[in-house]
């Protein structure tokens, strides 16, 4: 039996995401900022906003308990449905 434990993809050719299904942690990072040193800043919503150490610009977001906080019911058995839920969070980094 095959069991998926993570999902990865790209949003709008700008962001890479990695969703660890078992830990329920979503990682989002600007493609242009991969490999850049960052620091994390806790947001009011309890997420970790990653900022470029040099410029202070936001470059990523880590969301612990993503599905528990933002999902409804069981995790959809459709990658398309999961993508629709991840995209708005990626756009928060760009804002």
PDB file of N, CA and C in Angstrom:
ATOM      1  N   UNK A   1       0.838  -1.179   0.000  1.00  0.00           N
ATOM      2  CA  UNK A   1       0.000   0.000   0.000  1.00  0.00           C
ATOM      3  C   UNK A   1       0.888   1.250   0.000  1.00  0.00           C
ATOM      4  N   UNK A   2       0.535   2.211  -0.798  1.00  0.00           N
ATOM      5  CA  UNK A   2       1.252   3.485  -0.866  1.00  0.00           C
ATOM      6  C   UNK A   2       0.555   4.470   0.057  1.00  0.00           C
ATOM      7  N   UNK A   3       1.333   5.198   0.826  1.00  0.00           N
ATOM      8  CA  UNK A   3       0.776   6.200   1.733  1.00  0.00           C
ATOM      9  C   UNK A   3       1.556   7.503   1.549  1.00  0.00           C
ATOM     10  N   UNK A   4       0.863   8.584   1.252  1.00  0.00           N
ATOM     11  CA  UNK A   4       1.496   9.879   1.056  1.00  0.00           C
ATOM     12  C   UNK A   4       1.708  10.541   2.406  1.00  0.00           C
ATOM     13  N   UNK A   5       2.941  11.047   2.638  1.00  0.00           N
ATOM     14  CA  UNK A   5       3.203  11.711   3.911  1.00  0.00           C
ATOM     15  C   UNK A   5       3.517  13.193   3.738  1.00  0.00           C
ATOM     16  N   UNK A   6       3.664  13.644   2.481  1.00  0.00           N
ATOM     17  CA  UNK A   6       3.945  15.052   2.232  1.00  0.00           C
ATOM     18  C   UNK A   6       3.479  15.423   0.829  1.00  0.00           C
ATOM     19  N   UNK A   7       3.174  16.688   0.669  1.00  0.00           N
ATOM     20  CA  UNK A   7       2.811  17.235  -0.637  1.00  0.00           C
ATOM     21  C   UNK A   7       3.711  18.428  -0.900  1.00  0.00           C
ATOM     22  N   UNK A   8       4.162  18.573  -2.120  1.00  0.00           N
ATOM     23  CA  UNK A   8       4.986  19.710  -2.498  1.00  0.00           C
ATOM     24  C   UNK A   8       4.501  20.259  -3.814  1.00  0.00           C
ATOM     25  N   UNK A   9       4.736  21.541  -3.997  1.00  0.00           N
ATOM     26  CA  UNK A   9       4.343  22.139  -5.261  1.00  0.00           C
ATOM     27  C   UNK A   9       4.784  23.582  -5.349  1.00  0.00           C
ATOM     28  N   UNK A  10       4.333  24.233  -6.415  1.00  0.00           N
ATOM     29  CA  UNK A  10       4.692  25.621  -6.683  1.00  0.00           C
ATOM     30  C   UNK A  10       3.401  26.398  -6.917  1.00  0.00           C
ATOM     31  N   UNK A  11       3.340  27.609  -6.336  1.00  0.00           N
ATOM     32  CA  UNK A  11       2.175  28.484  -6.472  1.00  0.00           C
ATOM     33  C   UNK A  11       2.571  29.674  -7.352  1.00  0.00           C
ATOM     34  N   UNK A  12       1.834  29.880  -8.438  1.00  0.00           N
ATOM     35  CA  UNK A  12       2.021  31.033  -9.334  1.00  0.00           C
ATOM     36  C   UNK A  12       3.465  31.231  -9.789  1.00  0.00           C
ATOM     37  N   UNK A  13       4.247  30.189  -9.874  1.00  0.00           N
ATOM     38  CA  UNK A  13       5.662  30.256 -10.268  1.00  0.00           C
ATOM     39  C   UNK A  13       6.482  31.168  -9.358  1.00  0.00           C
ATOM     40  N   UNK A  14       5.963  31.476  -8.168  1.00  0.00           N
ATOM     41  CA  UNK A  14       6.647  32.361  -7.229  1.00  0.00           C
ATOM     42  C   UNK A  14       7.026  31.682  -5.921  1.00  0.00           C
ATOM     43  N   UNK A  15       6.203  30.732  -5.484  1.00  0.00           N
ATOM     44  CA  UNK A  15       6.372  30.125  -4.175  1.00  0.00           C
ATOM     45  C   UNK A  15       6.486  28.614  -4.275  1.00  0.00           C
ATOM     46  N   UNK A  16       7.299  28.041  -3.408  1.00  0.00           N
ATOM     47  CA  UNK A  16       7.344  26.593  -3.232  1.00  0.00           C
ATOM     48  C   UNK A  16       6.650  26.290  -1.909  1.00  0.00           C
ATOM     49  N   UNK A  17       5.837  25.246  -1.900  1.00  0.00           N
ATOM     50  CA  UNK A  17       5.248  24.825  -0.637  1.00  0.00           C
ATOM     51  C   UNK A  17       5.570  23.363  -0.383  1.00  0.00           C
ATOM     52  N   UNK A  18       5.632  23.044   0.893  1.00  0.00           N
ATOM     53  CA  UNK A  18       5.822  21.661   1.350  1.00  0.00           C
ATOM     54  C   UNK A  18       4.851  21.486   2.512  1.00  0.00           C
ATOM     55  N   UNK A  19       3.958  20.520   2.381  1.00  0.00           N
ATOM     56  CA  UNK A  19       2.999  20.244   3.455  1.00  0.00           C
ATOM     57  C   UNK A  19       3.312  18.875   4.028  1.00  0.00           C
ATOM     58  N   UNK A  20       3.716  18.853   5.291  1.00  0.00           N
ATOM     59  CA  UNK A  20       3.968  17.619   6.022  1.00  0.00           C
ATOM     60  C   UNK A  20       2.631  17.174   6.607  1.00  0.00           C
ATOM     61  N   UNK A  21       2.027  16.175   5.991  1.00  0.00           N
ATOM     62  CA  UNK A  21       0.684  15.740   6.357  1.00  0.00           C
ATOM     63  C   UNK A  21       0.616  15.236   7.788  1.00  0.00           C
ATOM     64  N   UNK A  22       1.582  14.403   8.192  1.00  0.00           N
ATOM     65  CA  UNK A  22       1.520  13.797   9.521  1.00  0.00           C
ATOM     66  C   UNK A  22       1.790  14.801  10.632  1.00  0.00           C
ATOM     67  N   UNK A  23       2.700  15.740  10.426  1.00  0.00           N
ATOM     68  CA  UNK A  23       2.985  16.755  11.443  1.00  0.00           C
ATOM     69  C   UNK A  23       2.011  17.931  11.339  1.00  0.00           C
ATOM     70  N   UNK A  24       1.262  18.009  10.230  1.00  0.00           N
ATOM     71  CA  UNK A  24       0.331  19.106   9.955  1.00  0.00           C
ATOM     72  C   UNK A  24       1.044  20.457   9.977  1.00  0.00           C
ATOM     73  N   UNK A  25       2.142  20.536   9.217  1.00  0.00           N
ATOM     74  CA  UNK A  25       2.911  21.775   9.113  1.00  0.00           C
ATOM     75  C   UNK A  25       3.050  22.128   7.633  1.00  0.00           C
ATOM     76  N   UNK A  26       2.701  23.375   7.300  1.00  0.00           N
ATOM     77  CA  UNK A  26       2.815  23.882   5.940  1.00  0.00           C
ATOM     78  C   UNK A  26       3.962  24.881   5.879  1.00  0.00           C
ATOM     79  N   UNK A  27       4.877  24.654   4.951  1.00  0.00           N
ATOM     80  CA  UNK A  27       6.012  25.548   4.730  1.00  0.00           C
ATOM     81  C   UNK A  27       5.835  26.199   3.372  1.00  0.00           C
ATOM     82  N   UNK A  28       5.945  27.530   3.318  1.00  0.00           N
ATOM     83  CA  UNK A  28       5.837  28.277   2.066  1.00  0.00           C
ATOM     84  C   UNK A  28       7.072  29.168   1.965  1.00  0.00           C
ATOM     85  N   UNK A  29       7.687  29.198   0.778  1.00  0.00           N
ATOM     86  CA  UNK A  29       8.903  30.000   0.613  1.00  0.00           C
ATOM     87  C   UNK A  29       8.941  30.579  -0.794  1.00  0.00           C
ATOM     88  N   UNK A  30       9.347  31.838  -0.912  1.00  0.00           N
ATOM     89  CA  UNK A  30       9.561  32.436  -2.224  1.00  0.00           C
ATOM     90  C   UNK A  30      10.643  31.657  -2.954  1.00  0.00           C
ATOM     91  N   UNK A  31      10.398  31.316  -4.207  1.00  0.00           N
ATOM     92  CA  UNK A  31      11.408  30.612  -4.995  1.00  0.00           C
ATOM     93  C   UNK A  31      12.687  31.441  -5.112  1.00  0.00           C
ATOM     94  N   UNK A  32      12.530  32.740  -5.244  1.00  0.00           N
ATOM     95  CA  UNK A  32      13.693  33.625  -5.393  1.00  0.00           C
ATOM     96  C   UNK A  32      14.506  33.731  -4.111  1.00  0.00           C
ATOM     97  N   UNK A  33      13.963  33.254  -2.999  1.00  0.00           N
ATOM     98  CA  UNK A  33      14.650  33.369  -1.705  1.00  0.00           C
ATOM     99  C   UNK A  33      15.150  32.030  -1.181  1.00  0.00           C
ATOM    100  N   UNK A  34      15.115  31.003  -2.012  1.00  0.00           N
ATOM    101  CA  UNK A  34      15.625  29.713  -1.557  1.00  0.00           C
ATOM    102  C   UNK A  34      17.126  29.837  -1.324  1.00  0.00           C
ATOM    103  N   UNK A  35      17.589  29.340  -0.203  1.00  0.00           N
ATOM    104  CA  UNK A  35      19.006  29.393   0.126  1.00  0.00           C
ATOM    105  C   UNK A  35      19.421  30.672   0.833  1.00  0.00           C
ATOM    106  N   UNK A  36      18.502  31.591   1.028  1.00  0.00           N
ATOM    107  CA  UNK A  36      18.798  32.847   1.721  1.00  0.00           C
ATOM    108  C   UNK A  36      18.647  32.632   3.223  1.00  0.00           C
ATOM    109  N   UNK A  37      19.566  33.179   4.001  1.00  0.00           N
ATOM    110  CA  UNK A  37      19.487  33.093   5.470  1.00  0.00           C
ATOM    111  C   UNK A  37      18.293  33.907   5.954  1.00  0.00           C
ATOM    112  N   UNK A  38      17.529  33.323   6.859  1.00  0.00           N
ATOM    113  CA  UNK A  38      16.324  33.982   7.365  1.00  0.00           C
ATOM    114  C   UNK A  38      16.265  33.913   8.884  1.00  0.00           C
ATOM    115  N   UNK A  39      15.351  34.692   9.424  1.00  0.00           N
ATOM    116  CA  UNK A  39      14.966  34.564  10.823  1.00  0.00           C
ATOM    117  C   UNK A  39      13.449  34.509  10.858  1.00  0.00           C
ATOM    118  N   UNK A  40      12.901  33.939  11.925  1.00  0.00           N
ATOM    119  CA  UNK A  40      11.449  33.796  12.035  1.00  0.00           C
ATOM    120  C   UNK A  40      10.888  34.806  13.024  1.00  0.00           C
ATOM    121  N   UNK A  41       9.731  35.307  12.676  1.00  0.00           N
ATOM    122  CA  UNK A  41       9.019  36.268  13.511  1.00  0.00           C
ATOM    123  C   UNK A  41       7.618  35.700  13.728  1.00  0.00           C
ATOM    124  N   UNK A  42       7.215  35.573  14.975  1.00  0.00           N
ATOM    125  CA  UNK A  42       5.891  35.035  15.278  1.00  0.00           C
ATOM    126  C   UNK A  42       4.834  36.087  14.963  1.00  0.00           C
ATOM    127  N   UNK A  43       3.836  35.699  14.184  1.00  0.00           N
ATOM    128  CA  UNK A  43       2.758  36.628  13.828  1.00  0.00           C
ATOM    129  C   UNK A  43       1.673  36.595  14.897  1.00  0.00           C
ATOM    130  N   UNK A  44       0.759  37.552  14.844  1.00  0.00           N
ATOM    131  CA  UNK A  44      -0.371  37.582  15.780  1.00  0.00           C
ATOM    132  C   UNK A  44      -1.228  36.334  15.653  1.00  0.00           C
ATOM    133  N   UNK A  45      -1.242  35.736  14.464  1.00  0.00           N
ATOM    134  CA  UNK A  45      -2.029  34.532  14.225  1.00  0.00           C
ATOM    135  C   UNK A  45      -1.327  33.253  14.648  1.00  0.00           C
ATOM    136  N   UNK A  46      -0.089  33.361  15.145  1.00  0.00           N
ATOM    137  CA  UNK A  46       0.641  32.192  15.606  1.00  0.00           C
ATOM    138  C   UNK A  46       1.468  31.511  14.539  1.00  0.00           C
ATOM    139  N   UNK A  47       1.583  32.121  13.367  1.00  0.00           N
ATOM    140  CA  UNK A  47       2.410  31.565  12.302  1.00  0.00           C
ATOM    141  C   UNK A  47       3.824  32.126  12.423  1.00  0.00           C
ATOM    142  N   UNK A  48       4.767  31.520  11.716  1.00  0.00           N
ATOM    143  CA  UNK A  48       6.140  32.009  11.715  1.00  0.00           C
ATOM    144  C   UNK A  48       6.433  32.625  10.360  1.00  0.00           C
ATOM    145  N   UNK A  49       6.576  33.934  10.353  1.00  0.00           N
ATOM    146  CA  UNK A  49       6.903  34.665   9.133  1.00  0.00           C
ATOM    147  C   UNK A  49       8.413  34.684   8.993  1.00  0.00           C
ATOM    148  N   UNK A  50       8.915  34.165   7.878  1.00  0.00           N
ATOM    149  CA  UNK A  50      10.359  34.139   7.636  1.00  0.00           C
ATOM    150  C   UNK A  50      10.759  35.408   6.912  1.00  0.00           C
ATOM    151  N   UNK A  51      11.809  36.046   7.436  1.00  0.00           N
ATOM    152  CA  UNK A  51      12.308  37.288   6.845  1.00  0.00           C
ATOM    153  C   UNK A  51      13.768  37.119   6.442  1.00  0.00           C
ATOM    154  N   UNK A  52      14.127  37.748   5.335  1.00  0.00           N
ATOM    155  CA  UNK A  52      15.506  37.779   4.865  1.00  0.00           C
ATOM    156  C   UNK A  52      16.346  38.492   5.928  1.00  0.00           C
ATOM    157  N   UNK A  53      17.448  37.869   6.356  1.00  0.00           N
ATOM    158  CA  UNK A  53      18.299  38.467   7.388  1.00  0.00           C
ATOM    159  C   UNK A  53      18.869  39.811   6.969  1.00  0.00           C
ATOM    160  N   UNK A  54      19.129  39.994   5.683  1.00  0.00           N
ATOM    161  CA  UNK A  54      19.751  41.239   5.224  1.00  0.00           C
ATOM    162  C   UNK A  54      18.740  42.352   4.965  1.00  0.00           C
ATOM    163  N   UNK A  55      17.654  42.025   4.287  1.00  0.00           N
ATOM    164  CA  UNK A  55      16.708  43.069   3.869  1.00  0.00           C
ATOM    165  C   UNK A  55      15.482  43.192   4.775  1.00  0.00           C
ATOM    166  N   UNK A  56      15.243  42.190   5.617  1.00  0.00           N
ATOM    167  CA  UNK A  56      14.040  42.137   6.471  1.00  0.00           C
ATOM    168  C   UNK A  56      12.763  41.862   5.678  1.00  0.00           C
ATOM    169  N   UNK A  57      12.857  41.655   4.377  1.00  0.00           N
ATOM    170  CA  UNK A  57      11.675  41.386   3.564  1.00  0.00           C
ATOM    171  C   UNK A  57      11.116  40.003   3.875  1.00  0.00           C
ATOM    172  N   UNK A  58       9.786  39.847   3.882  1.00  0.00           N
ATOM    173  CA  UNK A  58       9.198  38.517   4.083  1.00  0.00           C
ATOM    174  C   UNK A  58       9.541  37.602   2.911  1.00  0.00           C
ATOM    175  N   UNK A  59       9.958  36.367   3.225  1.00  0.00           N
ATOM    176  CA  UNK A  59      10.310  35.418   2.173  1.00  0.00           C
ATOM    177  C   UNK A  59       9.639  34.062   2.356  1.00  0.00           C
ATOM    178  N   UNK A  60       8.941  33.877   3.467  1.00  0.00           N
ATOM    179  CA  UNK A  60       8.304  32.588   3.691  1.00  0.00           C
ATOM    180  C   UNK A  60       7.368  32.618   4.877  1.00  0.00           C
ATOM    181  N   UNK A  61       6.658  31.518   5.042  1.00  0.00           N
ATOM    182  CA  UNK A  61       5.700  31.388   6.129  1.00  0.00           C
ATOM    183  C   UNK A  61       5.656  29.930   6.540  1.00  0.00           C
ATOM    184  N   UNK A  62       5.676  29.675   7.844  1.00  0.00           N
ATOM    185  CA  UNK A  62       5.513  28.331   8.383  1.00  0.00           C
ATOM    186  C   UNK A  62       4.246  28.330   9.214  1.00  0.00           C
ATOM    187  N   UNK A  63       3.345  27.418   8.900  1.00  0.00           N
ATOM    188  CA  UNK A  63       2.056  27.354   9.580  1.00  0.00           C
ATOM    189  C   UNK A  63       1.946  25.994  10.274  1.00  0.00           C
ATOM    190  N   UNK A  64       2.033  26.011  11.601  1.00  0.00           N
ATOM    191  CA  UNK A  64       1.889  24.789  12.400  1.00  0.00           C
ATOM    192  C   UNK A  64       0.396  24.534  12.595  1.00  0.00           C
ATOM    193  N   UNK A  65       0.012  23.277  12.530  1.00  0.00           N
ATOM    194  CA  UNK A  65      -1.401  22.870  12.638  1.00  0.00           C
ATOM    195  C   UNK A  65      -2.245  23.517  11.540  1.00  0.00           C
ATOM    196  N   UNK A  66      -1.684  23.542  10.334  1.00  0.00           N
ATOM    197  CA  UNK A  66      -2.373  24.194   9.224  1.00  0.00           C
ATOM    198  C   UNK A  66      -3.755  23.602   8.982  1.00  0.00           C
ATOM    199  N   UNK A  67      -3.845  22.310   8.809  1.00  0.00           N
ATOM    200  CA  UNK A  67      -5.150  21.732   8.498  1.00  0.00           C
ATOM    201  C   UNK A  67      -6.095  21.844   9.686  1.00  0.00           C
ATOM    202  N   UNK A  68      -5.570  21.647  10.876  1.00  0.00           N
ATOM    203  CA  UNK A  68      -6.402  21.748  12.078  1.00  0.00           C
ATOM    204  C   UNK A  68      -7.001  23.150  12.194  1.00  0.00           C
ATOM    205  N   UNK A  69      -6.234  24.169  11.827  1.00  0.00           N
ATOM    206  CA  UNK A  69      -6.683  25.558  11.963  1.00  0.00           C
ATOM    207  C   UNK A  69      -7.503  26.048  10.776  1.00  0.00           C
ATOM    208  N   UNK A  70      -7.131  25.640   9.562  1.00  0.00           N
ATOM    209  CA  UNK A  70      -7.753  26.207   8.367  1.00  0.00           C
ATOM    210  C   UNK A  70      -8.592  25.232   7.556  1.00  0.00           C
ATOM    211  N   UNK A  71      -8.455  23.953   7.835  1.00  0.00           N
ATOM    212  CA  UNK A  71      -9.194  22.956   7.077  1.00  0.00           C
ATOM    213  C   UNK A  71     -10.542  22.654   7.705  1.00  0.00           C
ATOM    214  N   UNK A  72     -11.292  21.829   7.041  1.00  0.00           N
ATOM    215  CA  UNK A  72     -12.603  21.420   7.531  1.00  0.00           C
ATOM    216  C   UNK A  72     -12.751  19.930   7.290  1.00  0.00           C
ATOM    217  N   UNK A  73     -12.961  19.178   8.348  1.00  0.00           N
ATOM    218  CA  UNK A  73     -13.144  17.738   8.211  1.00  0.00           C
ATOM    219  C   UNK A  73     -11.845  17.042   7.860  1.00  0.00           C
ATOM    220  N   UNK A  74     -11.980  15.932   7.153  1.00  0.00           N
ATOM    221  CA  UNK A  74     -10.808  15.157   6.738  1.00  0.00           C
ATOM    222  C   UNK A  74     -10.074  15.884   5.615  1.00  0.00           C
ATOM    223  N   UNK A  75      -8.761  15.680   5.533  1.00  0.00           N
ATOM    224  CA  UNK A  75      -7.969  16.245   4.452  1.00  0.00           C
ATOM    225  C   UNK A  75      -8.543  15.740   3.128  1.00  0.00           C
ATOM    226  N   UNK A  76      -8.812  16.637   2.173  1.00  0.00           N
ATOM    227  CA  UNK A  76      -9.407  16.202   0.906  1.00  0.00           C
ATOM    228  C   UNK A  76      -8.527  15.184   0.189  1.00  0.00           C
ATOM    229  N   UNK A  77      -9.170  14.278  -0.493  1.00  0.00           N
ATOM    230  CA  UNK A  77      -8.456  13.281  -1.271  1.00  0.00           C
ATOM    231  C   UNK A  77      -8.268  13.806  -2.690  1.00  0.00           C
ATOM    232  N   UNK A  78      -7.865  15.073  -2.788  1.00  0.00           N
ATOM    233  CA  UNK A  78      -7.671  15.706  -4.089  1.00  0.00           C
ATOM    234  C   UNK A  78      -6.573  16.751  -3.965  1.00  0.00           C
ATOM    235  N   UNK A  79      -5.552  16.610  -4.761  1.00  0.00           N
ATOM    236  CA  UNK A  79      -4.470  17.588  -4.751  1.00  0.00           C
ATOM    237  C   UNK A  79      -4.987  18.954  -5.183  1.00  0.00           C
ATOM    238  N   UNK A  80      -5.909  19.002  -6.104  1.00  0.00           N
ATOM    239  CA  UNK A  80      -6.471  20.267  -6.577  1.00  0.00           C
ATOM    240  C   UNK A  80      -7.147  21.004  -5.426  1.00  0.00           C
ATOM    241  N   UNK A  81      -7.903  20.311  -4.615  1.00  0.00           N
ATOM    242  CA  UNK A  81      -8.588  20.944  -3.487  1.00  0.00           C
ATOM    243  C   UNK A  81      -7.589  21.466  -2.460  1.00  0.00           C
ATOM    244  N   UNK A  82      -6.536  20.713  -2.216  1.00  0.00           N
ATOM    245  CA  UNK A  82      -5.512  21.150  -1.263  1.00  0.00           C
ATOM    246  C   UNK A  82      -4.787  22.379  -1.809  1.00  0.00           C
ATOM    247  N   UNK A  83      -4.479  22.396  -3.097  1.00  0.00           N
ATOM    248  CA  UNK A  83      -3.820  23.550  -3.719  1.00  0.00           C
ATOM    249  C   UNK A  83      -4.645  24.813  -3.532  1.00  0.00           C
ATOM    250  N   UNK A  84      -5.957  24.704  -3.674  1.00  0.00           N
ATOM    251  CA  UNK A  84      -6.832  25.869  -3.523  1.00  0.00           C
ATOM    252  C   UNK A  84      -6.742  26.455  -2.119  1.00  0.00           C
ATOM    253  N   UNK A  85      -6.481  25.622  -1.134  1.00  0.00           N
ATOM    254  CA  UNK A  85      -6.381  26.088   0.240  1.00  0.00           C
ATOM    255  C   UNK A  85      -5.010  26.668   0.570  1.00  0.00           C
ATOM    256  N   UNK A  86      -3.978  26.227  -0.118  1.00  0.00           N
ATOM    257  CA  UNK A  86      -2.623  26.708   0.128  1.00  0.00           C
ATOM    258  C   UNK A  86      -2.380  28.051  -0.545  1.00  0.00           C
ATOM    259  N   UNK A  87      -2.923  28.261  -1.715  1.00  0.00           N
ATOM    260  CA  UNK A  87      -2.645  29.467  -2.497  1.00  0.00           C
ATOM    261  C   UNK A  87      -2.864  30.774  -1.734  1.00  0.00           C
ATOM    262  N   UNK A  88      -3.963  30.948  -0.996  1.00  0.00           N
ATOM    263  CA  UNK A  88      -4.154  32.221  -0.294  1.00  0.00           C
ATOM    264  C   UNK A  88      -3.073  32.497   0.751  1.00  0.00           C
ATOM    265  N   UNK A  89      -2.547  31.466   1.390  1.00  0.00           N
ATOM    266  CA  UNK A  89      -1.489  31.678   2.373  1.00  0.00           C
ATOM    267  C   UNK A  89      -0.194  32.100   1.702  1.00  0.00           C
ATOM    268  N   UNK A  90       0.098  31.575   0.537  1.00  0.00           N
ATOM    269  CA  UNK A  90       1.295  31.984  -0.197  1.00  0.00           C
ATOM    270  C   UNK A  90       1.191  33.470  -0.563  1.00  0.00           C
ATOM    271  N   UNK A  91       0.013  33.892  -0.913  1.00  0.00           N
ATOM    272  CA  UNK A  91      -0.174  35.293  -1.300  1.00  0.00           C
ATOM    273  C   UNK A  91      -0.023  36.236  -0.107  1.00  0.00           C
ATOM    274  N   UNK A  92      -0.213  35.722   1.127  1.00  0.00           N
ATOM    275  CA  UNK A  92       0.015  36.542   2.317  1.00  0.00           C
ATOM    276  C   UNK A  92       1.484  36.931   2.433  1.00  0.00           C
ATOM    277  N   UNK A  93       2.379  36.056   2.015  1.00  0.00           N
ATOM    278  CA  UNK A  93       3.810  36.345   2.081  1.00  0.00           C
ATOM    279  C   UNK A  93       4.134  37.483   1.136  1.00  0.00           C
ATOM    280  N   UNK A  94       3.489  37.511  -0.021  1.00  0.00           N
ATOM    281  CA  UNK A  94       3.764  38.520  -1.031  1.00  0.00           C
ATOM    282  C   UNK A  94       3.197  39.895  -0.651  1.00  0.00           C
ATOM    283  N   UNK A  95       2.239  39.901   0.250  1.00  0.00           N
ATOM    284  CA  UNK A  95       1.572  41.175   0.613  1.00  0.00           C
ATOM    285  C   UNK A  95       2.466  42.069   1.444  1.00  0.00           C
TER     286      UNK A  95
END
